[in-house]
Amino acid sequence: MSVDVLTFGCRLNAFESEVIAREAERAGLSDTVVINSCAVTNEAVAQARQSIRRLKRERPDVRIVVTGCAAQTQAKMFAEMAEVDRVVGNDEKMRGEAWRDARAALDGGFGIGTSEKIAVADIMAVKEMAPHLLDGFKAGLPRVFVQVQNGCDHRCTFCIIPYGRGNSRSVPMGAVVDQLRALVERGHAEIVLTGVDLTSYGADLPGTPKLGQLTKQILRHVPELTRLRISSIDSIEADRDLLDVIADDERLMPHLHLSLQSGDDMILKRMKRRHSRRDAIEFCAQVRRLRPDITLGADIIAGFPTETEEMFARSQDLVDECDLTFLHVFPYSKRPGTPAARMPQVAGGDIKARAKRLRDTGEAALQRRLATEVGTTRQVLIESATQGRTEHFLPVAIAGETAGAVMTLAIKGHDGARLTV
């Protein structure tokens, strides 16, 4: 065995795991598993720790390196685990020299003491972002991710991610276009732009281009690109160019995932979000006017400190007010060092119950959308021999088709989870 990478958390981590695998193998690491961790909730950190312990029980001879957001924010904790051989920082993990250093340390038998295990620098000192063109993506893979932005300049009171990712930084537009052109030439039908705070793209670049301008440049200069997707955005930062592309170019898929977090204005203020409930509702109505068939998803937190039942009800009502289809529900998780951790907390049982109610609301919304698709004809990207995705990211049950193809399929029904043809 050379290097295996276990990925936790977001789509950005999934992209970065591909870079890690490539760079670690180029560095000559062997018999090593890299844990690319997530820090967004306490549960995510606990899952990484449990996986490390289980992995060492099942494969006692394997060497374990931990990286990712949890490694960046809690390096000492991971280094103190007897099962862990090395802790690599979130910026370092994208650099070949970090993996060459890891190989030298591991092969040399170093890293016995806690401090010697840690290779984590100050993430806030990182000012630039290099593009990472992945020649390791398998040719013809249906969907691939391209990282165009990292870090976050905002300080939402519940969020520890800026301390794991650093401040916002962007890949220059020309480099992004070059990456997409190369990926299209390799046969990838759908490309997803991803980042930590995607709609802050460009603020650190000369001329301060925005996400909409980047999107226009991609679609103009990579005409062979079949399908472009945008991952999670902050609706209050959506620029005019982005709205124009949503309205005018069918190659941008009609699906947006929004970072809404709550439907109550007081909770939004205590979260230090920059939008109001009305802003969210008006944005969703605006994009529906521009692209009537668009599908919207959102992140919503249940049980944020000080949230009452009435406040929670406003979040639940937002699913209908914004006509959301995909709901990503986060039970509030108290993250040490964040302002929200010092606020009056909601009881754990109430958080769990509210999260379930919100998920049930989201499931009902998805069922309604699946039902409205029956009788339509959709362009379906074949992901595997058993599943594809429509332009709106709705899953489709299929049988025996070739992964990577985009097929025109008539939707005949649904099974409660996926559309059927």
Protein backbone atom coordinates (compact mmCIF):
# COMPACT_ATOMS: atom_id res chain seq x y z
CA MET A 1 0.00 0.00 0.00
CA SER A 2 1.18 3.54 -0.71
CA VAL A 3 -1.19 6.27 0.57
CA ASP A 4 -4.90 6.19 1.40
CA VAL A 5 -6.80 9.38 2.25
CA LEU A 6 -9.93 9.36 4.41
CA THR A 7 -11.97 12.52 3.89
CA PHE A 8 -14.31 14.17 6.38
CA GLY A 9 -16.45 17.25 5.85
CA CYS A 10 -17.00 19.51 2.89
CA ARG A 11 -16.58 19.34 -0.87
CA LEU A 12 -13.46 21.46 -0.58
CA ASN A 13 -11.88 18.77 1.58
CA ALA A 14 -12.81 16.22 -1.09
CA PHE A 15 -10.92 18.23 -3.71
CA GLU A 16 -7.96 18.75 -1.39
CA SER A 17 -7.78 15.04 -0.63
CA GLU A 18 -6.99 14.47 -4.28
CA VAL A 19 -4.08 16.93 -3.99
CA ILE A 20 -2.92 15.25 -0.78
CA ALA A 21 -2.93 11.79 -2.37
CA ARG A 22 -0.95 13.04 -5.35
CA GLU A 23 1.64 14.97 -3.35
CA ALA A 24 2.08 12.29 -0.68
CA GLU A 25 2.66 9.59 -3.27
CA ARG A 26 5.07 11.81 -5.20
CA ALA A 27 6.95 12.30 -1.93
CA GLY A 28 7.36 8.52 -1.67
CA LEU A 29 5.22 7.93 1.41
CA SER A 30 4.14 4.32 1.85
CA ASP A 31 1.98 2.30 4.24
CA THR A 32 0.31 5.54 5.30
CA VAL A 33 -3.28 6.68 5.84
CA VAL A 34 -4.00 10.41 5.86
CA ILE A 35 -7.04 11.62 7.80
CA ASN A 36 -8.29 14.86 6.19
CA SER A 37 -10.39 16.14 9.08
CA CYS A 38 -13.27 18.56 9.55
CA ALA A 39 -13.79 20.96 12.46
CA VAL A 40 -17.26 22.35 11.73
CA THR A 41 -18.86 20.46 14.68
CA ASN A 42 -17.71 18.58 17.76
CA GLU A 43 -19.21 15.47 16.18
CA ALA A 44 -16.97 15.85 13.12
CA VAL A 45 -13.87 16.00 15.33
CA ALA A 46 -15.07 13.01 17.35
CA GLN A 47 -15.65 11.01 14.16
CA ALA A 48 -12.07 11.66 13.07
CA ARG A 49 -10.72 10.50 16.43
CA GLN A 50 -12.87 7.38 16.37
CA SER A 51 -11.73 6.56 12.85
CA ILE A 52 -8.08 6.93 13.88
CA ARG A 53 -8.50 4.50 16.79
CA ARG A 54 -10.45 2.00 14.70
CA LEU A 55 -7.94 2.20 11.87
CA LYS A 56 -5.03 1.48 14.19
CA ARG A 57 -6.83 -1.52 15.72
CA GLU A 58 -7.58 -2.97 12.29
CA ARG A 59 -4.22 -2.11 10.72
CA PRO A 60 -1.64 -1.83 13.51
CA ASP A 61 1.31 -1.44 11.12
CA VAL A 62 -0.11 1.50 9.19
CA ARG A 63 1.23 5.01 9.76
CA ILE A 64 -1.38 7.70 10.42
CA VAL A 65 -1.08 11.37 9.45
CA VAL A 66 -3.82 13.82 10.44
CA THR A 67 -4.48 17.04 8.55
CA GLY A 68 -7.45 19.30 7.72
CA CYS A 69 -9.34 21.90 9.74
CA ALA A 70 -9.45 19.94 13.00
CA ALA A 71 -5.71 19.28 12.76
CA GLN A 72 -5.10 23.00 12.24
CA THR A 73 -7.24 24.10 15.19
CA GLN A 74 -6.49 21.21 17.58
CA ALA A 75 -3.03 20.01 16.55
CA LYS A 76 -1.85 19.20 20.07
CA MET A 77 -4.90 17.06 20.80
CA PHE A 78 -4.26 14.87 17.76
CA ALA A 79 -0.51 14.76 18.38
CA GLU A 80 -1.18 13.42 21.87
CA MET A 81 -3.00 10.40 20.40
CA ALA A 82 -0.66 7.40 20.48
CA GLU A 83 -2.08 6.21 17.17
CA VAL A 84 -1.05 9.38 15.32
CA ASP A 85 2.40 9.67 13.76
CA ARG A 86 2.22 13.15 12.23
CA VAL A 87 -0.03 16.23 12.23
CA VAL A 88 0.14 18.41 9.11
CA GLY A 89 -1.39 21.89 8.84
CA ASN A 90 -4.17 22.93 6.49
CA ASP A 91 -1.93 25.05 4.27
CA GLU A 92 0.99 22.63 4.44
CA LYS A 93 -1.15 19.71 3.26
CA MET A 94 -1.34 21.26 -0.22
CA ARG A 95 2.44 21.50 -0.56
CA GLY A 96 4.76 18.76 -1.75
CA GLU A 97 7.55 19.75 0.64
CA ALA A 98 5.31 19.06 3.64
CA TRP A 99 4.85 15.48 2.49
CA ARG A 100 8.56 15.08 1.76
CA ASP A 101 9.23 16.28 5.31
CA ALA A 102 6.60 13.85 6.61
CA ARG A 103 8.26 10.96 4.80
CA ALA A 104 11.67 11.91 6.21
CA ALA A 105 10.26 12.12 9.73
CA LEU A 106 8.29 8.89 9.53
CA ASP A 107 10.98 6.88 7.78
CA GLY A 108 13.58 8.22 10.19
CA GLY A 109 11.59 7.15 13.21
CA PHE A 110 11.02 10.71 14.44
CA GLY A 111 7.77 12.06 15.76
CA ILE A 112 7.77 10.16 19.07
CA GLY A 113 7.16 13.24 21.22
CA THR A 114 4.01 15.34 20.89
CA SER A 115 5.74 18.51 19.67
CA GLU A 116 7.90 16.62 17.17
CA LYS A 117 4.79 15.25 15.50
CA ILE A 118 3.35 18.68 14.68
CA ALA A 119 4.00 20.43 11.34
CA VAL A 120 1.38 23.18 11.60
CA ALA A 121 2.14 26.85 10.84
CA ASP A 122 0.09 30.02 11.44
CA ILE A 123 -2.75 29.79 8.92
CA MET A 124 -3.49 33.51 9.32
CA ALA A 125 -0.08 34.33 7.84
CA VAL A 126 -1.01 32.71 4.50
CA LYS A 127 -1.76 35.45 1.96
CA GLU A 128 -1.82 33.74 -1.44
CA MET A 129 -3.36 30.68 -3.01
CA ALA A 130 -1.76 28.59 -5.74
CA PRO A 131 -3.88 26.72 -8.28
CA HIS A 132 -3.76 22.93 -8.07
CA LEU A 133 -4.37 21.27 -11.41
CA LEU A 134 -5.25 17.68 -10.71
CA ASP A 135 -3.83 15.32 -13.28
CA GLY A 136 -4.82 12.63 -10.80
CA PHE A 137 -8.54 12.92 -11.62
CA LYS A 138 -9.53 9.84 -13.55
CA ALA A 139 -10.28 10.79 -17.17
CA GLY A 140 -14.01 10.87 -17.81
CA LEU A 141 -14.96 11.13 -14.13
CA PRO A 142 -18.49 12.57 -14.29
CA ARG A 143 -18.10 15.45 -11.85
CA VAL A 144 -14.93 17.14 -10.60
CA PHE A 145 -14.31 20.04 -8.24
CA VAL A 146 -12.07 23.04 -8.79
CA GLN A 147 -10.95 25.06 -5.79
CA VAL A 148 -11.01 28.77 -6.65
CA GLN A 149 -11.07 30.27 -3.15
CA ASN A 150 -10.04 29.39 0.40
CA GLY A 151 -10.42 30.93 3.83
CA CYS A 152 -12.91 33.46 5.17
CA ASP A 153 -12.69 37.10 6.28
CA HIS A 154 -16.00 37.00 8.17
CA ARG A 155 -16.33 36.00 11.80
CA CYS A 156 -19.72 34.40 12.33
CA THR A 157 -20.04 33.83 16.05
CA PHE A 158 -20.63 30.06 15.76
CA CYS A 159 -17.88 29.28 13.27
CA ILE A 160 -14.35 28.05 13.89
CA ILE A 161 -13.53 27.47 10.22
CA PRO A 162 -11.64 30.79 9.66
CA TYR A 163 -9.15 29.60 12.29
CA GLY A 164 -8.72 26.37 10.37
CA ARG A 165 -8.63 27.94 6.90
CA GLY A 166 -7.22 31.43 7.41
CA ASN A 167 -8.30 34.62 5.66
CA SER A 168 -9.90 34.70 2.22
CA ARG A 169 -7.63 34.22 -0.78
CA SER A 170 -8.37 33.43 -4.41
CA VAL A 171 -6.90 31.73 -7.46
CA PRO A 172 -6.39 34.23 -10.33
CA MET A 173 -9.02 34.05 -13.06
CA GLY A 174 -6.62 33.04 -15.80
CA ALA A 175 -5.35 30.09 -13.80
CA VAL A 176 -8.91 28.96 -13.09
CA VAL A 177 -9.82 29.11 -16.78
CA ASP A 178 -6.70 27.10 -17.64
CA GLN A 179 -7.67 24.44 -15.09
CA LEU A 180 -11.19 24.11 -16.45
CA ARG A 181 -9.99 23.95 -20.03
CA ALA A 182 -7.60 21.12 -19.13
CA LEU A 183 -10.31 19.22 -17.25
CA VAL A 184 -12.77 19.54 -20.14
CA GLU A 185 -10.10 18.20 -22.50
CA ARG A 186 -9.83 15.17 -20.20
CA GLY A 187 -13.51 14.47 -20.70
CA HIS A 188 -15.12 15.73 -17.50
CA ALA A 189 -18.71 16.71 -18.25
CA GLU A 190 -19.50 18.71 -15.10
CA ILE A 191 -17.22 20.97 -13.08
CA VAL A 192 -18.07 22.46 -9.70
CA LEU A 193 -16.46 25.67 -8.44
CA THR A 194 -15.78 25.37 -4.75
CA GLY A 195 -14.35 27.38 -1.86
CA VAL A 196 -14.87 28.18 1.81
CA ASP A 197 -16.60 31.53 1.17
CA LEU A 198 -17.08 31.35 -2.57
CA THR A 199 -18.87 34.66 -3.06
CA SER A 200 -15.90 36.51 -1.54
CA TYR A 201 -13.87 35.37 -4.54
CA GLY A 202 -11.49 37.96 -5.96
CA ALA A 203 -11.37 40.53 -3.15
CA ASP A 204 -7.63 39.86 -2.73
CA LEU A 205 -6.81 39.89 -6.47
CA PRO A 206 -5.79 42.86 -8.64
CA GLY A 207 -8.91 44.60 -9.88
CA THR A 208 -11.02 42.74 -7.29
CA PRO A 209 -13.03 40.59 -9.73
CA LYS A 210 -16.12 38.90 -8.30
CA LEU A 211 -17.52 35.40 -8.64
CA GLY A 212 -19.89 36.49 -11.39
CA GLN A 213 -17.05 37.83 -13.51
CA LEU A 214 -15.09 34.61 -12.99
CA THR A 215 -18.13 32.58 -14.04
CA LYS A 216 -18.61 34.66 -17.17
CA GLN A 217 -14.94 34.27 -18.08
CA ILE A 218 -15.14 30.50 -17.69
CA LEU A 219 -18.23 30.15 -19.86
CA ARG A 220 -16.82 32.53 -22.48
CA HIS A 221 -13.35 30.99 -22.73
CA VAL A 222 -14.23 27.31 -22.22
CA PRO A 223 -17.10 26.89 -24.71
CA GLU A 224 -16.69 23.11 -24.70
CA LEU A 225 -17.71 22.94 -21.03
CA THR A 226 -21.06 21.17 -20.83
CA ARG A 227 -22.12 21.82 -17.24
CA LEU A 228 -20.86 24.29 -14.65
CA ARG A 229 -22.01 24.23 -11.04
CA ILE A 230 -21.42 26.58 -8.13
CA SER A 231 -21.20 25.21 -4.62
CA SER A 232 -22.50 26.97 -1.50
CA ILE A 233 -22.79 30.76 -1.70
CA ASP A 234 -23.60 33.64 0.63
CA SER A 235 -26.63 35.19 -1.06
CA ILE A 236 -25.95 38.70 0.26
CA GLU A 237 -22.67 38.71 -1.72
CA ALA A 238 -24.16 37.58 -5.04
CA ASP A 239 -23.13 40.16 -7.65
CA ARG A 240 -24.93 41.42 -10.75
CA ASP A 241 -22.74 39.42 -13.13
CA LEU A 242 -23.57 36.22 -11.28
CA LEU A 243 -27.28 36.97 -11.52
CA ASP A 244 -26.87 37.65 -15.24
CA VAL A 245 -25.24 34.27 -15.78
CA ILE A 246 -27.96 32.52 -13.79
CA ALA A 247 -30.52 34.12 -16.09
CA ASP A 248 -28.75 33.83 -19.42
CA ASP A 249 -26.50 30.76 -19.66
CA GLU A 250 -28.04 27.28 -19.49
CA ARG A 251 -24.62 25.71 -19.00
CA LEU A 252 -24.68 27.08 -15.44
CA MET A 253 -26.81 24.48 -13.73
CA PRO A 254 -30.11 25.71 -12.18
CA HIS A 255 -29.18 24.77 -8.62
CA LEU A 256 -27.84 26.96 -5.81
CA HIS A 257 -27.04 26.08 -2.22
CA LEU A 258 -27.32 29.04 0.15
CA SER A 259 -25.69 29.76 3.49
CA LEU A 260 -28.81 31.00 5.31
CA GLN A 261 -28.26 29.53 8.82
CA SER A 262 -31.47 30.92 10.38
CA GLY A 263 -34.79 32.49 9.50
CA ASP A 264 -34.98 34.74 12.56
CA ASP A 265 -33.54 38.25 12.46
CA MET A 266 -32.40 38.34 16.07
CA ILE A 267 -30.60 35.00 15.75
CA LEU A 268 -29.01 36.17 12.48
CA LYS A 269 -27.76 39.27 14.30
CA ARG A 270 -26.35 37.16 17.15
CA MET A 271 -24.71 34.90 14.57
CA LYS A 272 -23.14 38.03 13.07
CA ARG A 273 -24.58 37.19 9.68
CA ARG A 274 -24.86 40.03 7.16
CA HIS A 275 -28.33 39.31 5.79
CA SER A 276 -31.83 39.50 7.22
CA ARG A 277 -34.76 37.15 6.82
CA ARG A 278 -36.22 39.52 4.22
CA ASP A 279 -32.92 39.54 2.31
CA ALA A 280 -33.02 35.75 2.05
CA ILE A 281 -36.62 35.63 0.87
CA GLU A 282 -36.11 38.43 -1.66
CA PHE A 283 -32.96 36.81 -3.08
CA CYS A 284 -34.74 33.49 -3.58
CA ALA A 285 -37.65 35.26 -5.29
CA GLN A 286 -35.22 37.19 -7.49
CA VAL A 287 -33.35 34.11 -8.75
CA ARG A 288 -36.68 32.39 -9.41
CA ARG A 289 -37.75 35.28 -11.59
CA LEU A 290 -34.46 34.97 -13.47
CA ARG A 291 -34.52 31.15 -13.69
CA PRO A 292 -38.03 29.87 -12.88
CA ASP A 293 -37.02 26.19 -12.67
CA ILE A 294 -34.08 26.73 -10.31
CA THR A 295 -33.68 24.41 -7.32
CA LEU A 296 -32.50 25.91 -4.03
CA GLY A 297 -30.90 24.33 -1.01
CA ALA A 298 -29.69 25.86 2.25
CA ASP A 299 -27.69 25.35 5.41
CA ILE A 300 -29.73 25.99 8.56
CA ILE A 301 -28.59 25.66 12.17
CA ALA A 302 -31.04 24.32 14.75
CA GLY A 303 -30.70 25.32 18.40
CA PHE A 304 -28.33 28.29 18.15
CA PRO A 305 -27.78 29.86 21.61
CA THR A 306 -30.78 31.91 22.83
CA GLU A 307 -33.04 30.45 20.12
CA THR A 308 -36.63 30.16 21.36
CA GLU A 309 -39.37 28.00 19.86
CA GLU A 310 -40.75 31.07 18.11
CA MET A 311 -37.35 31.87 16.62
CA PHE A 312 -36.92 28.28 15.48
CA ALA A 313 -40.37 28.34 13.89
CA ARG A 314 -39.20 31.21 11.67
CA SER A 315 -36.33 29.04 10.42
CA GLN A 316 -38.75 26.21 9.75
CA ASP A 317 -41.11 28.55 7.91
CA LEU A 318 -38.20 29.73 5.74
CA VAL A 319 -38.25 26.37 3.92
CA ASP A 320 -41.64 27.28 2.42
CA GLU A 321 -40.97 31.03 2.17
CA CYS A 322 -37.87 30.40 0.06
CA ASP A 323 -39.21 27.21 -1.58
CA LEU A 324 -36.14 25.21 -0.55
CA THR A 325 -35.66 21.67 -1.85
CA PHE A 326 -32.40 20.53 -0.26
CA LEU A 327 -31.85 21.21 3.43
CA HIS A 328 -28.53 20.70 5.19
CA VAL A 329 -29.42 20.80 8.88
CA PHE A 330 -26.74 21.44 11.51
CA PRO A 331 -27.65 20.86 15.16
CA TYR A 332 -25.78 23.69 16.88
CA SER A 333 -22.38 22.55 18.12
CA LYS A 334 -20.56 24.56 20.77
CA ARG A 335 -17.06 25.28 19.45
CA PRO A 336 -14.54 26.41 22.08
CA GLY A 337 -13.12 29.86 21.40
CA THR A 338 -16.13 31.14 19.44
CA PRO A 339 -18.36 33.97 20.77
CA ALA A 340 -21.46 31.78 20.54
CA ALA A 341 -19.92 29.35 23.01
CA ARG A 342 -20.22 32.08 25.67
CA MET A 343 -23.90 32.77 24.95
CA PRO A 344 -26.78 31.11 26.88
CA GLN A 345 -27.06 27.63 25.42
CA VAL A 346 -30.18 25.75 24.30
CA ALA A 347 -30.70 22.39 26.01
CA GLY A 348 -29.20 19.49 24.10
CA GLY A 349 -32.50 17.63 23.90
CA ASP A 350 -34.21 20.67 22.41
CA ILE A 351 -31.44 21.07 19.81
CA LYS A 352 -31.80 17.44 18.78
CA ALA A 353 -35.61 17.67 18.58
CA ARG A 354 -35.53 20.88 16.53
CA ALA A 355 -32.97 19.41 14.13
CA LYS A 356 -35.23 16.42 13.57
CA ARG A 357 -38.26 18.62 12.92
CA LEU A 358 -36.26 20.70 10.49
CA ARG A 359 -35.02 17.59 8.67
CA ASP A 360 -38.60 16.31 8.46
CA THR A 361 -39.64 19.65 6.94
CA GLY A 362 -36.80 19.38 4.46
CA GLU A 363 -37.74 15.82 3.54
CA ALA A 364 -41.33 16.88 2.85
CA ALA A 365 -40.04 19.69 0.61
CA LEU A 366 -37.87 17.23 -1.33
CA GLN A 367 -40.83 14.89 -1.80
CA ARG A 368 -42.88 17.73 -3.23
CA ARG A 369 -40.14 18.61 -5.70
CA LEU A 370 -39.68 14.99 -6.79
CA ALA A 371 -43.41 14.80 -7.50
CA THR A 372 -43.33 17.92 -9.69
CA GLU A 373 -40.59 16.37 -11.85
CA VAL A 374 -42.78 13.48 -13.03
CA GLY A 375 -43.57 13.92 -16.72
CA THR A 376 -40.60 16.18 -17.45
CA THR A 377 -37.59 15.49 -19.65
CA ARG A 378 -34.20 16.16 -18.08
CA GLN A 379 -30.54 16.19 -19.05
CA VAL A 380 -29.09 13.62 -16.66
CA LEU A 381 -25.38 13.32 -15.87
CA ILE A 382 -24.66 9.62 -15.35
CA GLU A 383 -22.65 9.29 -12.14
CA SER A 384 -22.53 5.50 -11.94
CA ALA A 385 -24.24 2.40 -13.27
CA THR A 386 -27.16 3.01 -10.89
CA GLN A 387 -27.51 6.77 -10.45
CA GLY A 388 -27.45 10.08 -12.29
CA ARG A 389 -28.26 13.72 -11.48
CA THR A 390 -30.52 16.16 -13.29
CA GLU A 391 -29.53 19.75 -14.02
CA HIS A 392 -31.22 20.59 -10.70
CA PHE A 393 -29.06 18.05 -8.80
CA LEU A 394 -31.99 15.73 -8.20
CA PRO A 395 -30.92 12.07 -8.07
CA VAL A 396 -32.18 9.69 -10.76
CA ALA A 397 -32.26 5.90 -10.49
CA ILE A 398 -30.86 4.33 -13.68
CA ALA A 399 -29.53 0.97 -14.79
CA GLY A 400 -26.45 0.11 -16.78
CA GLU A 401 -25.55 3.45 -18.37
CA THR A 402 -22.02 4.73 -18.96
CA ALA A 403 -20.68 7.02 -16.25
CA GLY A 404 -19.77 10.46 -17.52
CA ALA A 405 -22.39 10.65 -20.26
CA VAL A 406 -25.14 13.28 -20.27
CA MET A 407 -28.41 11.70 -21.41
CA THR A 408 -31.85 13.07 -22.22
CA LEU A 409 -34.26 11.05 -20.08
CA ALA A 410 -38.02 11.18 -19.51
CA ILE A 411 -38.91 11.20 -15.81
CA LYS A 412 -41.71 8.70 -15.18
CA GLY A 413 -41.94 8.68 -11.39
CA HIS A 414 -39.99 8.60 -8.13
CA ASP A 415 -39.37 6.10 -5.35
CA GLY A 416 -39.37 8.59 -2.50
CA ALA A 417 -35.64 9.18 -2.71
CA ARG A 418 -34.81 9.34 -6.42
CA LEU A 419 -36.52 10.05 -9.69
CA THR A 420 -37.20 7.04 -11.91
CA VAL A 421 -37.12 6.73 -15.70
